[in-house]
């Protein structure tokens, strides 16, 4: 059975990640550095182009200094 990707949810997550990042006055480059990720991956997540893993969500939350649940508050 194939899993269905909820495209709307992925897009909303990315938009919220961008909102949280900007509220922390952090660039994508700085977030990538702090999360030890590629800038391009952050960009694709924020644009809703990729469905990221839960472990990546944790890395992003830690780098932003927020709880992982805050990234799902949309």
N, C-alpha and C. Protein backbone atom coordinates (compact mmCIF):
# COMPACT_ATOMS: atom_id res chain seq x y z
N UNK A 1 0.83 -1.18 0.00
CA UNK A 1 0.00 0.00 0.00
C UNK A 1 0.89 1.25 0.00
N UNK A 2 0.61 2.17 -0.87
CA UNK A 2 1.38 3.41 -0.95
C UNK A 2 0.83 4.43 0.03
N UNK A 3 1.75 5.17 0.63
CA UNK A 3 1.35 6.23 1.54
C UNK A 3 0.97 7.46 0.73
N UNK A 4 -0.04 8.13 1.16
CA UNK A 4 -0.47 9.36 0.53
C UNK A 4 0.16 10.54 1.27
N UNK A 5 0.77 11.43 0.53
CA UNK A 5 1.36 12.61 1.12
C UNK A 5 0.30 13.71 1.15
N UNK A 6 0.11 14.30 2.31
CA UNK A 6 -0.82 15.40 2.46
C UNK A 6 -0.09 16.68 2.07
N UNK A 7 -0.19 17.03 0.81
CA UNK A 7 0.55 18.17 0.26
C UNK A 7 0.23 19.46 1.01
N UNK A 8 -1.02 19.68 1.33
CA UNK A 8 -1.40 20.90 2.04
C UNK A 8 -0.70 20.98 3.39
N UNK A 9 -0.63 19.87 4.11
CA UNK A 9 0.02 19.83 5.42
C UNK A 9 1.51 20.13 5.29
N UNK A 10 2.15 19.56 4.28
CA UNK A 10 3.58 19.79 4.05
C UNK A 10 3.83 21.27 3.76
N UNK A 11 2.98 21.88 2.97
CA UNK A 11 3.11 23.31 2.64
C UNK A 11 2.90 24.16 3.89
N UNK A 12 1.87 23.84 4.67
CA UNK A 12 1.61 24.60 5.90
C UNK A 12 2.75 24.48 6.89
N UNK A 13 3.33 23.28 6.99
CA UNK A 13 4.48 23.10 7.88
C UNK A 13 5.63 24.01 7.45
N UNK A 14 5.92 24.01 6.16
CA UNK A 14 7.00 24.84 5.63
C UNK A 14 6.77 26.32 5.88
N UNK A 15 5.54 26.76 5.66
CA UNK A 15 5.21 28.17 5.91
C UNK A 15 5.39 28.52 7.37
N UNK A 16 5.00 27.61 8.24
CA UNK A 16 5.14 27.87 9.68
C UNK A 16 6.61 27.85 10.09
N UNK A 17 7.38 26.96 9.52
CA UNK A 17 8.82 26.94 9.81
C UNK A 17 9.43 28.29 9.44
N UNK A 18 9.07 28.80 8.27
CA UNK A 18 9.59 30.11 7.84
C UNK A 18 9.17 31.21 8.82
N UNK A 19 7.91 31.17 9.26
CA UNK A 19 7.40 32.17 10.20
C UNK A 19 8.18 32.13 11.52
N UNK A 20 8.39 30.94 12.04
CA UNK A 20 9.13 30.79 13.30
C UNK A 20 10.57 31.25 13.11
N UNK A 21 11.20 30.84 12.02
CA UNK A 21 12.58 31.24 11.74
C UNK A 21 12.69 32.76 11.69
N UNK A 22 11.79 33.40 10.97
CA UNK A 22 11.85 34.86 10.84
C UNK A 22 11.56 35.54 12.18
N UNK A 23 10.68 34.95 12.99
CA UNK A 23 10.40 35.55 14.31
C UNK A 23 11.64 35.52 15.20
N UNK A 24 12.54 34.59 14.92
CA UNK A 24 13.81 34.49 15.65
C UNK A 24 14.90 35.32 14.98
N UNK A 25 14.50 36.03 13.89
CA UNK A 25 15.44 36.87 13.13
C UNK A 25 16.65 36.07 12.66
N UNK A 26 16.36 34.88 12.13
CA UNK A 26 17.40 33.98 11.68
C UNK A 26 17.28 33.77 10.17
N UNK A 27 18.39 33.79 9.49
CA UNK A 27 18.39 33.51 8.05
C UNK A 27 18.34 32.00 7.82
N UNK A 28 17.99 31.63 6.61
CA UNK A 28 18.03 30.20 6.27
C UNK A 28 19.46 29.67 6.39
N UNK A 29 20.43 30.48 6.01
CA UNK A 29 21.83 30.08 6.09
C UNK A 29 22.23 29.79 7.54
N UNK A 30 21.83 30.67 8.45
CA UNK A 30 22.16 30.48 9.86
C UNK A 30 21.45 29.26 10.43
N UNK A 31 20.19 29.06 10.06
CA UNK A 31 19.46 27.88 10.53
C UNK A 31 20.13 26.61 10.01
N UNK A 32 20.52 26.62 8.75
CA UNK A 32 21.20 25.45 8.17
C UNK A 32 22.48 25.15 8.93
N UNK A 33 23.22 26.19 9.24
CA UNK A 33 24.47 26.03 9.99
C UNK A 33 24.20 25.44 11.38
N UNK A 34 23.25 26.03 12.08
CA UNK A 34 22.94 25.58 13.45
C UNK A 34 22.37 24.16 13.49
N UNK A 35 21.61 23.79 12.45
CA UNK A 35 21.00 22.46 12.40
C UNK A 35 21.89 21.44 11.70
N UNK A 36 23.06 21.89 11.22
CA UNK A 36 23.98 21.03 10.48
C UNK A 36 23.28 20.37 9.28
N UNK A 37 22.62 21.24 8.50
CA UNK A 37 21.89 20.80 7.32
C UNK A 37 22.31 21.66 6.14
N UNK A 38 21.96 21.23 4.95
CA UNK A 38 22.20 22.01 3.75
C UNK A 38 21.16 23.13 3.66
N UNK A 39 21.61 24.30 3.22
CA UNK A 39 20.71 25.43 3.00
C UNK A 39 19.58 25.03 2.05
N UNK A 40 19.92 24.29 1.01
CA UNK A 40 18.91 23.91 0.01
C UNK A 40 17.81 23.04 0.61
N UNK A 41 18.15 22.24 1.60
CA UNK A 41 17.13 21.40 2.24
C UNK A 41 16.16 22.27 3.04
N UNK A 42 16.69 23.26 3.75
CA UNK A 42 15.83 24.19 4.50
C UNK A 42 14.89 24.90 3.52
N UNK A 43 15.43 25.35 2.41
CA UNK A 43 14.64 26.05 1.40
C UNK A 43 13.52 25.17 0.87
N UNK A 44 13.82 23.92 0.56
CA UNK A 44 12.80 23.01 0.02
C UNK A 44 11.73 22.70 1.07
N UNK A 45 12.12 22.60 2.33
CA UNK A 45 11.14 22.36 3.39
C UNK A 45 10.21 23.57 3.51
N UNK A 46 10.79 24.76 3.55
CA UNK A 46 9.98 25.97 3.71
C UNK A 46 9.04 26.18 2.51
N UNK A 47 9.43 25.75 1.35
CA UNK A 47 8.59 25.89 0.15
C UNK A 47 7.57 24.77 0.03
N UNK A 48 7.61 23.80 0.95
CA UNK A 48 6.68 22.68 0.90
C UNK A 48 6.98 21.72 -0.22
N UNK A 49 8.23 21.68 -0.66
CA UNK A 49 8.61 20.81 -1.77
C UNK A 49 8.99 19.41 -1.32
N UNK A 50 9.35 19.27 -0.04
CA UNK A 50 9.70 17.94 0.47
C UNK A 50 8.99 17.69 1.80
N UNK A 51 8.70 16.45 2.02
CA UNK A 51 8.08 15.99 3.26
C UNK A 51 9.21 15.54 4.17
N UNK A 52 9.54 16.34 5.16
CA UNK A 52 10.71 16.08 5.98
C UNK A 52 10.44 15.03 7.06
N UNK A 53 11.50 14.48 7.61
CA UNK A 53 11.38 13.45 8.64
C UNK A 53 11.20 14.08 10.02
N UNK A 54 10.71 13.29 10.93
CA UNK A 54 10.50 13.77 12.29
C UNK A 54 11.83 14.08 12.98
N UNK A 55 12.88 13.35 12.64
CA UNK A 55 14.19 13.65 13.24
C UNK A 55 14.71 15.00 12.73
N UNK A 56 14.41 15.35 11.49
CA UNK A 56 14.79 16.66 10.95
C UNK A 56 14.00 17.76 11.64
N UNK A 57 12.73 17.50 11.91
CA UNK A 57 11.91 18.48 12.64
C UNK A 57 12.55 18.77 13.99
N UNK A 58 13.02 17.75 14.67
CA UNK A 58 13.67 17.91 15.98
C UNK A 58 14.94 18.74 15.84
N UNK A 59 15.75 18.47 14.82
CA UNK A 59 16.97 19.25 14.58
C UNK A 59 16.64 20.73 14.36
N UNK A 60 15.63 20.98 13.54
CA UNK A 60 15.22 22.35 13.25
C UNK A 60 14.72 23.06 14.51
N UNK A 61 13.90 22.37 15.27
CA UNK A 61 13.36 22.96 16.51
C UNK A 61 14.49 23.30 17.47
N UNK A 62 15.42 22.38 17.65
CA UNK A 62 16.55 22.62 18.55
C UNK A 62 17.37 23.82 18.07
N UNK A 63 17.62 23.89 16.77
CA UNK A 63 18.40 25.00 16.22
C UNK A 63 17.69 26.34 16.39
N UNK A 64 16.35 26.31 16.37
CA UNK A 64 15.56 27.52 16.54
C UNK A 64 15.31 27.86 18.01
N UNK A 65 15.60 26.91 18.90
CA UNK A 65 15.35 27.13 20.32
C UNK A 65 13.88 27.07 20.69
N UNK A 66 13.12 26.21 19.98
CA UNK A 66 11.69 26.05 20.26
C UNK A 66 11.39 24.57 20.46
N UNK A 67 10.22 24.28 21.00
CA UNK A 67 9.76 22.90 21.08
C UNK A 67 9.34 22.44 19.70
N UNK A 68 9.57 21.17 19.39
CA UNK A 68 9.18 20.63 18.08
C UNK A 68 7.69 20.87 17.81
N UNK A 69 6.88 20.77 18.86
CA UNK A 69 5.43 20.96 18.68
C UNK A 69 5.10 22.36 18.16
N UNK A 70 5.95 23.34 18.45
CA UNK A 70 5.72 24.71 17.98
C UNK A 70 5.78 24.79 16.45
N UNK A 71 6.52 23.91 15.82
CA UNK A 71 6.62 23.92 14.37
C UNK A 71 5.35 23.37 13.70
N UNK A 72 4.50 22.74 14.51
CA UNK A 72 3.23 22.21 14.00
C UNK A 72 2.05 23.07 14.41
N UNK A 73 2.32 24.23 14.98
CA UNK A 73 1.25 25.11 15.45
C UNK A 73 0.78 26.03 14.33
N UNK A 74 0.01 25.45 13.42
CA UNK A 74 -0.51 26.23 12.29
C UNK A 74 -1.95 25.84 12.01
